[in-house]
């Protein structure tokens, strides 16, 4: 890993820093919110003054998804159940119910798009 790099590109130098518990917790908290995959990557970027990208979560959108995904699954299962029931429903009724389910699913997608665009 990296040993094929030229001498100037290899990371051979090491800096040791001692932190108290609060400082360490602060660093780890900031690291956990970043997009860096390794602590060394995060610390190197901070030490060299490079930009560190921070993850941003929209809690409202997360809550919406938590509630709506099961609803979507239930609607799909209802539609599949109707298709399996075959002759129990008239074709006209099936069509109407399928159209309503599709309208609800389209509204869910529309609401999701609105929520996700507001979070940007």
PDB file of N, CA and C in Angstrom:
ATOM      1  N   UNK A   1       0.841  -1.171   0.000  1.00  0.00           N
ATOM      2  CA  UNK A   1       0.000   0.000   0.000  1.00  0.00           C
ATOM      3  C   UNK A   1       0.889   1.238   0.000  1.00  0.00           C
ATOM      4  N   UNK A   2       1.035   1.891  -1.059  1.00  0.00           N
ATOM      5  CA  UNK A   2       1.792   3.121  -1.126  1.00  0.00           C
ATOM      6  C   UNK A   2       3.293   2.962  -1.233  1.00  0.00           C
ATOM      7  N   UNK A   3       3.797   1.717  -1.157  1.00  0.00           N
ATOM      8  CA  UNK A   3       5.248   1.535  -1.216  1.00  0.00           C
ATOM      9  C   UNK A   3       5.777   1.689  -2.629  1.00  0.00           C
ATOM     10  N   UNK A   4       4.901   1.679  -3.615  1.00  0.00           N
ATOM     11  CA  UNK A   4       5.318   1.885  -4.999  1.00  0.00           C
ATOM     12  C   UNK A   4       5.376   3.370  -5.358  1.00  0.00           C
ATOM     13  N   UNK A   5       4.986   4.220  -4.421  1.00  0.00           N
ATOM     14  CA  UNK A   5       5.016   5.659  -4.661  1.00  0.00           C
ATOM     15  C   UNK A   5       6.445   6.182  -4.599  1.00  0.00           C
ATOM     16  N   UNK A   6       6.707   7.286  -5.297  1.00  0.00           N
ATOM     17  CA  UNK A   6       8.037   7.898  -5.177  1.00  0.00           C
ATOM     18  C   UNK A   6       8.283   8.335  -3.736  1.00  0.00           C
ATOM     19  N   UNK A   7       9.552   8.465  -3.373  1.00  0.00           N
ATOM     20  CA  UNK A   7       9.954   8.786  -2.002  1.00  0.00           C
ATOM     21  C   UNK A   7       9.234  10.019  -1.451  1.00  0.00           C
ATOM     22  N   UNK A   8       9.044  11.077  -2.272  1.00  0.00           N
ATOM     23  CA  UNK A   8       8.410  12.306  -1.800  1.00  0.00           C
ATOM     24  C   UNK A   8       6.920  12.117  -1.509  1.00  0.00           C
ATOM     25  N   UNK A   9       6.288  11.141  -2.127  1.00  0.00           N
ATOM     26  CA  UNK A   9       4.850  10.935  -1.952  1.00  0.00           C
ATOM     27  C   UNK A   9       4.526   9.997  -0.789  1.00  0.00           C
ATOM     28  N   UNK A  10       5.484   9.206  -0.351  1.00  0.00           N
ATOM     29  CA  UNK A  10       5.240   8.277   0.751  1.00  0.00           C
ATOM     30  C   UNK A  10       5.046   9.039   2.050  1.00  0.00           C
ATOM     31  N   UNK A  11       4.155   8.529   2.865  1.00  0.00           N
ATOM     32  CA  UNK A  11       3.907   9.147   4.167  1.00  0.00           C
ATOM     33  C   UNK A  11       4.730   8.411   5.214  1.00  0.00           C
ATOM     34  N   UNK A  12       5.930   8.916   5.427  1.00  0.00           N
ATOM     35  CA  UNK A  12       6.856   8.277   6.354  1.00  0.00           C
ATOM     36  C   UNK A  12       6.977   9.026   7.672  1.00  0.00           C
ATOM     37  N   UNK A  13       6.561  10.272   7.713  1.00  0.00           N
ATOM     38  CA  UNK A  13       6.687  11.097   8.920  1.00  0.00           C
ATOM     39  C   UNK A  13       5.441  10.946   9.789  1.00  0.00           C
ATOM     40  N   UNK A  14       5.640  10.992  11.081  1.00  0.00           N
ATOM     41  CA  UNK A  14       4.549  10.784  12.023  1.00  0.00           C
ATOM     42  C   UNK A  14       4.550  11.916  13.050  1.00  0.00           C
ATOM     43  N   UNK A  15       3.384  12.415  13.377  1.00  0.00           N
ATOM     44  CA  UNK A  15       3.223  13.429  14.417  1.00  0.00           C
ATOM     45  C   UNK A  15       2.335  12.824  15.493  1.00  0.00           C
ATOM     46  N   UNK A  16       2.770  12.846  16.730  1.00  0.00           N
ATOM     47  CA  UNK A  16       1.967  12.328  17.841  1.00  0.00           C
ATOM     48  C   UNK A  16       1.413  13.507  18.630  1.00  0.00           C
ATOM     49  N   UNK A  17       0.153  13.405  18.961  1.00  0.00           N
ATOM     50  CA  UNK A  17      -0.517  14.457  19.718  1.00  0.00           C
ATOM     51  C   UNK A  17      -1.265  13.804  20.870  1.00  0.00           C
ATOM     52  N   UNK A  18      -1.114  14.354  22.045  1.00  0.00           N
ATOM     53  CA  UNK A  18      -1.845  13.851  23.205  1.00  0.00           C
ATOM     54  C   UNK A  18      -3.047  14.760  23.461  1.00  0.00           C
ATOM     55  N   UNK A  19      -4.194  14.126  23.683  1.00  0.00           N
ATOM     56  CA  UNK A  19      -5.439  14.861  23.932  1.00  0.00           C
ATOM     57  C   UNK A  19      -6.044  14.400  25.246  1.00  0.00           C
ATOM     58  N   UNK A  20      -6.717  15.323  25.922  1.00  0.00           N
ATOM     59  CA  UNK A  20      -7.476  14.883  27.095  1.00  0.00           C
ATOM     60  C   UNK A  20      -8.790  14.271  26.609  1.00  0.00           C
ATOM     61  N   UNK A  21      -9.572  13.740  27.501  1.00  0.00           N
ATOM     62  CA  UNK A  21     -10.801  13.028  27.130  1.00  0.00           C
ATOM     63  C   UNK A  21     -11.782  13.922  26.376  1.00  0.00           C
ATOM     64  N   UNK A  22     -11.946  15.168  26.815  1.00  0.00           N
ATOM     65  CA  UNK A  22     -12.881  16.087  26.153  1.00  0.00           C
ATOM     66  C   UNK A  22     -12.415  16.431  24.743  1.00  0.00           C
ATOM     67  N   UNK A  23     -11.135  16.690  24.599  1.00  0.00           N
ATOM     68  CA  UNK A  23     -10.586  17.002  23.275  1.00  0.00           C
ATOM     69  C   UNK A  23     -10.747  15.812  22.332  1.00  0.00           C
ATOM     70  N   UNK A  24     -10.444  14.634  22.845  1.00  0.00           N
ATOM     71  CA  UNK A  24     -10.567  13.429  22.017  1.00  0.00           C
ATOM     72  C   UNK A  24     -12.011  13.212  21.592  1.00  0.00           C
ATOM     73  N   UNK A  25     -12.937  13.380  22.533  1.00  0.00           N
ATOM     74  CA  UNK A  25     -14.361  13.223  22.223  1.00  0.00           C
ATOM     75  C   UNK A  25     -14.800  14.237  21.160  1.00  0.00           C
ATOM     76  N   UNK A  26     -14.304  15.461  21.257  1.00  0.00           N
ATOM     77  CA  UNK A  26     -14.632  16.500  20.285  1.00  0.00           C
ATOM     78  C   UNK A  26     -14.118  16.130  18.897  1.00  0.00           C
ATOM     79  N   UNK A  27     -12.880  15.644  18.829  1.00  0.00           N
ATOM     80  CA  UNK A  27     -12.308  15.229  17.546  1.00  0.00           C
ATOM     81  C   UNK A  27     -13.117  14.075  16.965  1.00  0.00           C
ATOM     82  N   UNK A  28     -13.440  13.075  17.786  1.00  0.00           N
ATOM     83  CA  UNK A  28     -14.176  11.910  17.300  1.00  0.00           C
ATOM     84  C   UNK A  28     -15.589  12.284  16.861  1.00  0.00           C
ATOM     85  N   UNK A  29     -16.204  13.221  17.569  1.00  0.00           N
ATOM     86  CA  UNK A  29     -17.539  13.675  17.184  1.00  0.00           C
ATOM     87  C   UNK A  29     -17.499  14.365  15.815  1.00  0.00           C
ATOM     88  N   UNK A  30     -16.528  15.242  15.630  1.00  0.00           N
ATOM     89  CA  UNK A  30     -16.389  15.937  14.344  1.00  0.00           C
ATOM     90  C   UNK A  30     -16.057  14.948  13.224  1.00  0.00           C
ATOM     91  N   UNK A  31     -15.188  14.003  13.512  1.00  0.00           N
ATOM     92  CA  UNK A  31     -14.826  12.983  12.526  1.00  0.00           C
ATOM     93  C   UNK A  31     -16.049  12.166  12.121  1.00  0.00           C
ATOM     94  N   UNK A  32     -16.886  11.792  13.084  1.00  0.00           N
ATOM     95  CA  UNK A  32     -18.056  10.961  12.782  1.00  0.00           C
ATOM     96  C   UNK A  32     -19.063  11.693  11.901  1.00  0.00           C
ATOM     97  N   UNK A  33     -19.072  13.026  11.951  1.00  0.00           N
ATOM     98  CA  UNK A  33     -19.988  13.801  11.119  1.00  0.00           C
ATOM     99  C   UNK A  33     -19.404  14.092   9.734  1.00  0.00           C
ATOM    100  N   UNK A  34     -18.137  13.759   9.533  1.00  0.00           N
ATOM    101  CA  UNK A  34     -17.490  14.037   8.247  1.00  0.00           C
ATOM    102  C   UNK A  34     -17.684  12.875   7.281  1.00  0.00           C
ATOM    103  N   UNK A  35     -17.303  13.097   6.037  1.00  0.00           N
ATOM    104  CA  UNK A  35     -17.375  12.038   5.031  1.00  0.00           C
ATOM    105  C   UNK A  35     -16.078  11.245   4.961  1.00  0.00           C
ATOM    106  N   UNK A  36     -15.103  11.580   5.793  1.00  0.00           N
ATOM    107  CA  UNK A  36     -13.828  10.854   5.816  1.00  0.00           C
ATOM    108  C   UNK A  36     -14.069   9.431   6.308  1.00  0.00           C
ATOM    109  N   UNK A  37     -13.400   8.485   5.681  1.00  0.00           N
ATOM    110  CA  UNK A  37     -13.581   7.084   6.051  1.00  0.00           C
ATOM    111  C   UNK A  37     -12.572   6.620   7.092  1.00  0.00           C
ATOM    112  N   UNK A  38     -11.489   7.349   7.255  1.00  0.00           N
ATOM    113  CA  UNK A  38     -10.474   6.993   8.240  1.00  0.00           C
ATOM    114  C   UNK A  38     -10.129   8.221   9.077  1.00  0.00           C
ATOM    115  N   UNK A  39      -9.838   7.980  10.340  1.00  0.00           N
ATOM    116  CA  UNK A  39      -9.468   9.074  11.228  1.00  0.00           C
ATOM    117  C   UNK A  39      -8.213   9.780  10.724  1.00  0.00           C
ATOM    118  N   UNK A  40      -7.240   9.027  10.221  1.00  0.00           N
ATOM    119  CA  UNK A  40      -6.002   9.621   9.702  1.00  0.00           C
ATOM    120  C   UNK A  40      -6.301  10.570   8.543  1.00  0.00           C
ATOM    121  N   UNK A  41      -7.209  10.185   7.682  1.00  0.00           N
ATOM    122  CA  UNK A  41      -7.599  11.027   6.544  1.00  0.00           C
ATOM    123  C   UNK A  41      -8.199  12.342   7.053  1.00  0.00           C
ATOM    124  N   UNK A  42      -9.075  12.246   8.059  1.00  0.00           N
ATOM    125  CA  UNK A  42      -9.708  13.430   8.637  1.00  0.00           C
ATOM    126  C   UNK A  42      -8.667  14.345   9.286  1.00  0.00           C
ATOM    127  N   UNK A  43      -7.800  13.765  10.129  1.00  0.00           N
ATOM    128  CA  UNK A  43      -6.797  14.565  10.831  1.00  0.00           C
ATOM    129  C   UNK A  43      -5.810  15.219   9.861  1.00  0.00           C
ATOM    130  N   UNK A  44      -5.411  14.487   8.817  1.00  0.00           N
ATOM    131  CA  UNK A  44      -4.490  15.036   7.813  1.00  0.00           C
ATOM    132  C   UNK A  44      -5.122  16.238   7.122  1.00  0.00           C
ATOM    133  N   UNK A  45      -6.393  16.103   6.736  1.00  0.00           N
ATOM    134  CA  UNK A  45      -7.090  17.202   6.059  1.00  0.00           C
ATOM    135  C   UNK A  45      -7.198  18.424   6.967  1.00  0.00           C
ATOM    136  N   UNK A  46      -7.556  18.209   8.233  1.00  0.00           N
ATOM    137  CA  UNK A  46      -7.672  19.330   9.167  1.00  0.00           C
ATOM    138  C   UNK A  46      -6.312  19.988   9.406  1.00  0.00           C
ATOM    139  N   UNK A  47      -5.275  19.173   9.596  1.00  0.00           N
ATOM    140  CA  UNK A  47      -3.940  19.716   9.877  1.00  0.00           C
ATOM    141  C   UNK A  47      -3.391  20.517   8.708  1.00  0.00           C
ATOM    142  N   UNK A  48      -3.709  20.091   7.494  1.00  0.00           N
ATOM    143  CA  UNK A  48      -3.193  20.771   6.307  1.00  0.00           C
ATOM    144  C   UNK A  48      -4.131  21.872   5.795  1.00  0.00           C
ATOM    145  N   UNK A  49      -5.231  22.084   6.505  1.00  0.00           N
ATOM    146  CA  UNK A  49      -6.154  23.159   6.133  1.00  0.00           C
ATOM    147  C   UNK A  49      -7.008  22.838   4.920  1.00  0.00           C
ATOM    148  N   UNK A  50      -7.143  21.565   4.595  1.00  0.00           N
ATOM    149  CA  UNK A  50      -7.989  21.173   3.464  1.00  0.00           C
ATOM    150  C   UNK A  50      -9.454  21.141   3.892  1.00  0.00           C
ATOM    151  N   UNK A  51     -10.321  21.205   2.928  1.00  0.00           N
ATOM    152  CA  UNK A  51     -11.751  21.167   3.199  1.00  0.00           C
ATOM    153  C   UNK A  51     -12.155  19.770   3.668  1.00  0.00           C
ATOM    154  N   UNK A  52     -12.947  19.729   4.717  1.00  0.00           N
ATOM    155  CA  UNK A  52     -13.517  18.469   5.205  1.00  0.00           C
ATOM    156  C   UNK A  52     -15.022  18.560   5.001  1.00  0.00           C
ATOM    157  N   UNK A  53     -15.568  17.641   4.223  1.00  0.00           N
ATOM    158  CA  UNK A  53     -17.002  17.646   3.938  1.00  0.00           C
ATOM    159  C   UNK A  53     -17.752  17.012   5.103  1.00  0.00           C
ATOM    160  N   UNK A  54     -18.857  17.635   5.484  1.00  0.00           N
ATOM    161  CA  UNK A  54     -19.661  17.183   6.605  1.00  0.00           C
ATOM    162  C   UNK A  54     -20.955  16.587   6.078  1.00  0.00           C
ATOM    163  N   UNK A  55     -21.356  15.451   6.665  1.00  0.00           N
ATOM    164  CA  UNK A  55     -22.624  14.821   6.312  1.00  0.00           C
ATOM    165  C   UNK A  55     -23.751  15.665   6.895  1.00  0.00           C
ATOM    166  N   UNK A  56     -24.808  15.808   6.139  1.00  0.00           N
ATOM    167  CA  UNK A  56     -25.972  16.545   6.621  1.00  0.00           C
ATOM    168  C   UNK A  56     -27.187  15.652   6.454  1.00  0.00           C
ATOM    169  N   UNK A  57     -27.918  15.439   7.517  1.00  0.00           N
ATOM    170  CA  UNK A  57     -29.114  14.617   7.458  1.00  0.00           C
ATOM    171  C   UNK A  57     -30.325  15.481   7.738  1.00  0.00           C
ATOM    172  N   UNK A  58     -31.341  15.307   6.937  1.00  0.00           N
ATOM    173  CA  UNK A  58     -32.607  15.992   7.149  1.00  0.00           C
ATOM    174  C   UNK A  58     -33.486  15.051   7.975  1.00  0.00           C
ATOM    175  N   UNK A  59     -33.637  15.340   9.257  1.00  0.00           N
ATOM    176  CA  UNK A  59     -34.374  14.448  10.138  1.00  0.00           C
ATOM    177  C   UNK A  59     -35.848  14.329   9.741  1.00  0.00           C
ATOM    178  N   UNK A  60     -36.430  15.401   9.232  1.00  0.00           N
ATOM    179  CA  UNK A  60     -37.827  15.339   8.789  1.00  0.00           C
ATOM    180  C   UNK A  60     -37.973  14.369   7.631  1.00  0.00           C
ATOM    181  N   UNK A  61     -37.035  14.437   6.709  1.00  0.00           N
ATOM    182  CA  UNK A  61     -37.078  13.531   5.565  1.00  0.00           C
ATOM    183  C   UNK A  61     -36.836  12.094   6.013  1.00  0.00           C
ATOM    184  N   UNK A  62     -35.927  11.891   6.950  1.00  0.00           N
ATOM    185  CA  UNK A  62     -35.689  10.550   7.487  1.00  0.00           C
ATOM    186  C   UNK A  62     -36.960   9.991   8.128  1.00  0.00           C
ATOM    187  N   UNK A  63     -37.649  10.832   8.898  1.00  0.00           N
ATOM    188  CA  UNK A  63     -38.891  10.405   9.537  1.00  0.00           C
ATOM    189  C   UNK A  63     -39.950  10.080   8.479  1.00  0.00           C
ATOM    190  N   UNK A  64     -40.051  10.931   7.480  1.00  0.00           N
ATOM    191  CA  UNK A  64     -41.003  10.693   6.390  1.00  0.00           C
ATOM    192  C   UNK A  64     -40.743   9.335   5.744  1.00  0.00           C
ATOM    193  N   UNK A  65     -39.486   9.056   5.430  1.00  0.00           N
ATOM    194  CA  UNK A  65     -39.149   7.784   4.792  1.00  0.00           C
ATOM    195  C   UNK A  65     -39.459   6.600   5.699  1.00  0.00           C
ATOM    196  N   UNK A  66     -39.201   6.759   6.975  1.00  0.00           N
ATOM    197  CA  UNK A  66     -39.475   5.683   7.926  1.00  0.00           C
ATOM    198  C   UNK A  66     -40.961   5.336   7.937  1.00  0.00           C
ATOM    199  N   UNK A  67     -41.793   6.348   7.818  1.00  0.00           N
ATOM    200  CA  UNK A  67     -43.237   6.131   7.834  1.00  0.00           C
ATOM    201  C   UNK A  67     -43.784   5.686   6.473  1.00  0.00           C
ATOM    202  N   UNK A  68     -43.254   6.225   5.401  1.00  0.00           N
ATOM    203  CA  UNK A  68     -43.843   6.002   4.088  1.00  0.00           C
ATOM    204  C   UNK A  68     -43.396   4.721   3.392  1.00  0.00           C
ATOM    205  N   UNK A  69     -42.199   4.257   3.657  1.00  0.00           N
ATOM    206  CA  UNK A  69     -41.732   3.030   2.995  1.00  0.00           C
ATOM    207  C   UNK A  69     -42.642   1.852   3.338  1.00  0.00           C
ATOM    208  N   UNK A  70     -42.994   1.637   4.611  1.00  0.00           N
ATOM    209  CA  UNK A  70     -43.928   0.539   4.899  1.00  0.00           C
ATOM    210  C   UNK A  70     -45.299   0.741   4.237  1.00  0.00           C
ATOM    211  N   UNK A  71     -45.756   1.988   4.158  1.00  0.00           N
ATOM    212  CA  UNK A  71     -47.030   2.266   3.502  1.00  0.00           C
ATOM    213  C   UNK A  71     -46.967   1.878   2.028  1.00  0.00           C
ATOM    214  N   UNK A  72     -45.883   2.259   1.383  1.00  0.00           N
ATOM    215  CA  UNK A  72     -45.709   1.910  -0.030  1.00  0.00           C
ATOM    216  C   UNK A  72     -45.709   0.397  -0.207  1.00  0.00           C
ATOM    217  N   UNK A  73     -44.974  -0.301   0.662  1.00  0.00           N
ATOM    218  CA  UNK A  73     -44.923  -1.766   0.589  1.00  0.00           C
ATOM    219  C   UNK A  73     -46.317  -2.363   0.769  1.00  0.00           C
ATOM    220  N   UNK A  74     -47.094  -1.819   1.705  1.00  0.00           N
ATOM    221  CA  UNK A  74     -48.441  -2.322   1.946  1.00  0.00           C
ATOM    222  C   UNK A  74     -49.331  -2.116   0.725  1.00  0.00           C
ATOM    223  N   UNK A  75     -49.216  -0.960   0.096  1.00  0.00           N
ATOM    224  CA  UNK A  75     -50.015  -0.698  -1.110  1.00  0.00           C
ATOM    225  C   UNK A  75     -49.657  -1.660  -2.234  1.00  0.00           C
ATOM    226  N   UNK A  76     -48.379  -1.910  -2.393  1.00  0.00           N
ATOM    227  CA  UNK A  76     -47.936  -2.859  -3.433  1.00  0.00           C
ATOM    228  C   UNK A  76     -48.476  -4.253  -3.121  1.00  0.00           C
ATOM    229  N   UNK A  77     -48.441  -4.658  -1.849  1.00  0.00           N
ATOM    230  CA  UNK A  77     -48.960  -5.980  -1.467  1.00  0.00           C
ATOM    231  C   UNK A  77     -50.468  -6.077  -1.711  1.00  0.00           C
ATOM    232  N   UNK A  78     -51.189  -5.004  -1.446  1.00  0.00           N
ATOM    233  CA  UNK A  78     -52.633  -4.994  -1.711  1.00  0.00           C
ATOM    234  C   UNK A  78     -52.884  -5.204  -3.205  1.00  0.00           C
ATOM    235  N   UNK A  79     -52.133  -4.480  -4.035  1.00  0.00           N
ATOM    236  CA  UNK A  79     -52.305  -4.622  -5.486  1.00  0.00           C
ATOM    237  C   UNK A  79     -51.993  -6.050  -5.928  1.00  0.00           C
ATOM    238  N   UNK A  80     -50.931  -6.630  -5.391  1.00  0.00           N
ATOM    239  CA  UNK A  80     -50.575  -8.012  -5.753  1.00  0.00           C
ATOM    240  C   UNK A  80     -51.649  -8.995  -5.284  1.00  0.00           C
ATOM    241  N   UNK A  81     -52.177  -8.764  -4.080  1.00  0.00           N
ATOM    242  CA  UNK A  81     -53.227  -9.631  -3.555  1.00  0.00           C
ATOM    243  C   UNK A  81     -54.467  -9.593  -4.412  1.00  0.00           C
ATOM    244  N   UNK A  82     -54.807  -8.407  -4.895  1.00  0.00           N
ATOM    245  CA  UNK A  82     -55.965  -8.286  -5.784  1.00  0.00           C
ATOM    246  C   UNK A  82     -55.734  -9.042  -7.076  1.00  0.00           C
ATOM    247  N   UNK A  83     -54.524  -8.956  -7.605  1.00  0.00           N
ATOM    248  CA  UNK A  83     -54.224  -9.666  -8.849  1.00  0.00           C
ATOM    249  C   UNK A  83     -54.321 -11.180  -8.652  1.00  0.00           C
ATOM    250  N   UNK A  84     -53.885 -11.655  -7.488  1.00  0.00           N
ATOM    251  CA  UNK A  84     -53.938 -13.094  -7.211  1.00  0.00           C
ATOM    252  C   UNK A  84     -55.369 -13.562  -6.973  1.00  0.00           C
ATOM    253  N   UNK A  85     -56.218 -12.685  -6.435  1.00  0.00           N
ATOM    254  CA  UNK A  85     -57.594 -13.054  -6.132  1.00  0.00           C
ATOM    255  C   UNK A  85     -58.392 -13.340  -7.391  1.00  0.00           C
ATOM    256  N   UNK A  86     -57.905 -12.822  -8.491  1.00  0.00           N
ATOM    257  CA  UNK A  86     -58.520 -13.135  -9.784  1.00  0.00           C
ATOM    258  C   UNK A  86     -59.977 -12.761  -9.889  1.00  0.00           C
ATOM    259  N   UNK A  87     -60.879 -13.757  -9.906  1.00  0.00           N
ATOM    260  CA  UNK A  87     -62.297 -13.548 -10.177  1.00  0.00           C
ATOM    261  C   UNK A  87     -63.089 -12.926  -9.052  1.00  0.00           C
ATOM    262  N   UNK A  88     -62.485 -12.678  -7.903  1.00  0.00           N
ATOM    263  CA  UNK A  88     -63.239 -12.095  -6.793  1.00  0.00           C
ATOM    264  C   UNK A  88     -63.602 -10.636  -7.038  1.00  0.00           C
ATOM    265  N   UNK A  89     -62.835  -9.978  -7.883  1.00  0.00           N
ATOM    266  CA  UNK A  89     -63.097  -8.573  -8.203  1.00  0.00           C
ATOM    267  C   UNK A  89     -63.418  -8.453  -9.675  1.00  0.00           C
ATOM    268  N   UNK A  90     -64.325  -7.542  -9.982  1.00  0.00           N
ATOM    269  CA  UNK A  90     -64.593  -7.264 -11.389  1.00  0.00           C
ATOM    270  C   UNK A  90     -63.432  -6.468 -11.961  1.00  0.00           C
ATOM    271  N   UNK A  91     -63.200  -6.614 -13.246  1.00  0.00           N
ATOM    272  CA  UNK A  91     -62.072  -5.940 -13.901  1.00  0.00           C
ATOM    273  C   UNK A  91     -62.142  -4.427 -13.703  1.00  0.00           C
ATOM    274  N   UNK A  92     -63.359  -3.881 -13.771  1.00  0.00           N
ATOM    275  CA  UNK A  92     -63.540  -2.440 -13.600  1.00  0.00           C
ATOM    276  C   UNK A  92     -63.096  -2.006 -12.197  1.00  0.00           C
ATOM    277  N   UNK A  93     -63.485  -2.767 -11.159  1.00  0.00           N
ATOM    278  CA  UNK A  93     -63.106  -2.445  -9.779  1.00  0.00           C
ATOM    279  C   UNK A  93     -61.590  -2.539  -9.598  1.00  0.00           C
ATOM    280  N   UNK A  94     -61.004  -3.583 -10.186  1.00  0.00           N
ATOM    281  CA  UNK A  94     -59.547  -3.749 -10.097  1.00  0.00           C
ATOM    282  C   UNK A  94     -58.838  -2.541 -10.698  1.00  0.00           C
ATOM    283  N   UNK A  95     -59.307  -2.124 -11.851  1.00  0.00           N
ATOM    284  CA  UNK A  95     -58.690  -0.990 -12.538  1.00  0.00           C
ATOM    285  C   UNK A  95     -58.775   0.270 -11.685  1.00  0.00           C
ATOM    286  N   UNK A  96     -59.939   0.505 -11.099  1.00  0.00           N
ATOM    287  CA  UNK A  96     -60.131   1.698 -10.270  1.00  0.00           C
ATOM    288  C   UNK A  96     -59.202   1.651  -9.053  1.00  0.00           C
ATOM    289  N   UNK A  97     -59.135   0.508  -8.394  1.00  0.00           N
ATOM    290  CA  UNK A  97     -58.288   0.380  -7.202  1.00  0.00           C
ATOM    291  C   UNK A  97     -56.814   0.527  -7.570  1.00  0.00           C
ATOM    292  N   UNK A  98     -56.398  -0.086  -8.671  1.00  0.00           N
ATOM    293  CA  UNK A  98     -55.007   0.048  -9.120  1.00  0.00           C
ATOM    294  C   UNK A  98     -54.676   1.510  -9.440  1.00  0.00           C
ATOM    295  N   UNK A  99     -55.614   2.213 -10.062  1.00  0.00           N
ATOM    296  CA  UNK A  99     -55.394   3.626 -10.372  1.00  0.00           C
ATOM    297  C   UNK A  99     -55.235   4.441  -9.088  1.00  0.00           C
ATOM    298  N   UNK A 100     -56.057   4.167  -8.081  1.00  0.00           N
ATOM    299  CA  UNK A 100     -55.968   4.878  -6.803  1.00  0.00           C
ATOM    300  C   UNK A 100     -54.634   4.590  -6.116  1.00  0.00           C
ATOM    301  N   UNK A 101     -54.216   3.336  -6.136  1.00  0.00           N
ATOM    302  CA  UNK A 101     -52.931   2.972  -5.536  1.00  0.00           C
ATOM    303  C   UNK A 101     -51.800   3.702  -6.254  1.00  0.00           C
ATOM    304  N   UNK A 102     -51.861   3.738  -7.576  1.00  0.00           N
ATOM    305  CA  UNK A 102     -50.833   4.450  -8.352  1.00  0.00           C
ATOM    306  C   UNK A 102     -50.824   5.938  -8.019  1.00  0.00           C
ATOM    307  N   UNK A 103     -52.014   6.533  -7.842  1.00  0.00           N
ATOM    308  CA  UNK A 103     -52.086   7.951  -7.479  1.00  0.00           C
ATOM    309  C   UNK A 103     -51.449   8.209  -6.108  1.00  0.00           C
ATOM    310  N   UNK A 104     -51.709   7.319  -5.163  1.00  0.00           N
ATOM    311  CA  UNK A 104     -51.119   7.474  -3.824  1.00  0.00           C
ATOM    312  C   UNK A 104     -49.604   7.357  -3.916  1.00  0.00           C
ATOM    313  N   UNK A 105     -49.109   6.364  -4.667  1.00  0.00           N
ATOM    314  CA  UNK A 105     -47.662   6.189  -4.817  1.00  0.00           C
ATOM    315  C   UNK A 105     -47.025   7.405  -5.496  1.00  0.00           C
ATOM    316  N   UNK A 106     -47.706   7.954  -6.510  1.00  0.00           N
ATOM    317  CA  UNK A 106     -47.189   9.155  -7.178  1.00  0.00           C
ATOM    318  C   UNK A 106     -47.130  10.337  -6.212  1.00  0.00           C
ATOM    319  N   UNK A 107     -48.137  10.477  -5.354  1.00  0.00           N
ATOM    320  CA  UNK A 107     -48.144  11.555  -4.362  1.00  0.00           C
ATOM    321  C   UNK A 107     -46.998  11.381  -3.370  1.00  0.00           C
ATOM    322  N   UNK A 108     -46.742  10.145  -2.952  1.00  0.00           N
ATOM    323  CA  UNK A 108     -45.630   9.883  -2.042  1.00  0.00           C
ATOM    324  C   UNK A 108     -44.305  10.318  -2.671  1.00  0.00           C
ATOM    325  N   UNK A 109     -44.125   9.979  -3.937  1.00  0.00           N
ATOM    326  CA  UNK A 109     -42.899  10.367  -4.635  1.00  0.00           C
ATOM    327  C   UNK A 109     -42.805  11.882  -4.737  1.00  0.00           C
ATOM    328  N   UNK A 110     -43.924  12.539  -5.038  1.00  0.00           N
ATOM    329  CA  UNK A 110     -43.950  13.996  -5.152  1.00  0.00           C
ATOM    330  C   UNK A 110     -43.604  14.658  -3.811  1.00  0.00           C
ATOM    331  N   UNK A 111     -44.185  14.150  -2.727  1.00  0.00           N
ATOM    332  CA  UNK A 111     -43.896  14.692  -1.391  1.00  0.00           C
ATOM    333  C   UNK A 111     -42.429  14.495  -1.058  1.00  0.00           C
ATOM    334  N   UNK A 112     -41.895  13.313  -1.380  1.00  0.00           N
ATOM    335  CA  UNK A 112     -40.479  13.044  -1.125  1.00  0.00           C
ATOM    336  C   UNK A 112     -39.599  14.030  -1.883  1.00  0.00           C
ATOM    337  N   UNK A 113     -39.911  14.282  -3.151  1.00  0.00           N
ATOM    338  CA  UNK A 113     -39.114  15.224  -3.958  1.00  0.00           C
ATOM    339  C   UNK A 113     -39.164  16.630  -3.353  1.00  0.00           C
ATOM    340  N   UNK A 114     -40.337  17.055  -2.916  1.00  0.00           N
ATOM    341  CA  UNK A 114     -40.476  18.380  -2.316  1.00  0.00           C
ATOM    342  C   UNK A 114     -39.644  18.456  -1.027  1.00  0.00           C
ATOM    343  N   UNK A 115     -39.752  17.448  -0.194  1.00  0.00           N
ATOM    344  CA  UNK A 115     -38.989  17.439   1.079  1.00  0.00           C
ATOM    345  C   UNK A 115     -37.489  17.418   0.821  1.00  0.00           C
ATOM    346  N   UNK A 116     -37.056  16.627  -0.139  1.00  0.00           N
ATOM    347  CA  UNK A 116     -35.609  16.520  -0.376  1.00  0.00           C
ATOM    348  C   UNK A 116     -35.073  17.775  -1.045  1.00  0.00           C
ATOM    349  N   UNK A 117     -35.866  18.466  -1.866  1.00  0.00           N
ATOM    350  CA  UNK A 117     -35.371  19.701  -2.484  1.00  0.00           C
ATOM    351  C   UNK A 117     -35.317  20.841  -1.477  1.00  0.00           C
ATOM    352  N   UNK A 118     -36.207  20.831  -0.467  1.00  0.00           N
ATOM    353  CA  UNK A 118     -36.189  21.863   0.575  1.00  0.00           C
ATOM    354  C   UNK A 118     -34.977  21.718   1.468  1.00  0.00           C
ATOM    355  N   UNK A 119     -34.452  20.486   1.589  1.00  0.00           N
ATOM    356  CA  UNK A 119     -33.316  20.265   2.486  1.00  0.00           C
ATOM    357  C   UNK A 119     -32.008  20.683   1.847  1.00  0.00           C
ATOM    358  N   UNK A 120     -31.987  20.964   0.572  1.00  0.00           N
ATOM    359  CA  UNK A 120     -30.737  21.340  -0.112  1.00  0.00           C
ATOM    360  C   UNK A 120     -30.442  22.799   0.015  1.00  0.00           C
TER     361      UNK A 120
END
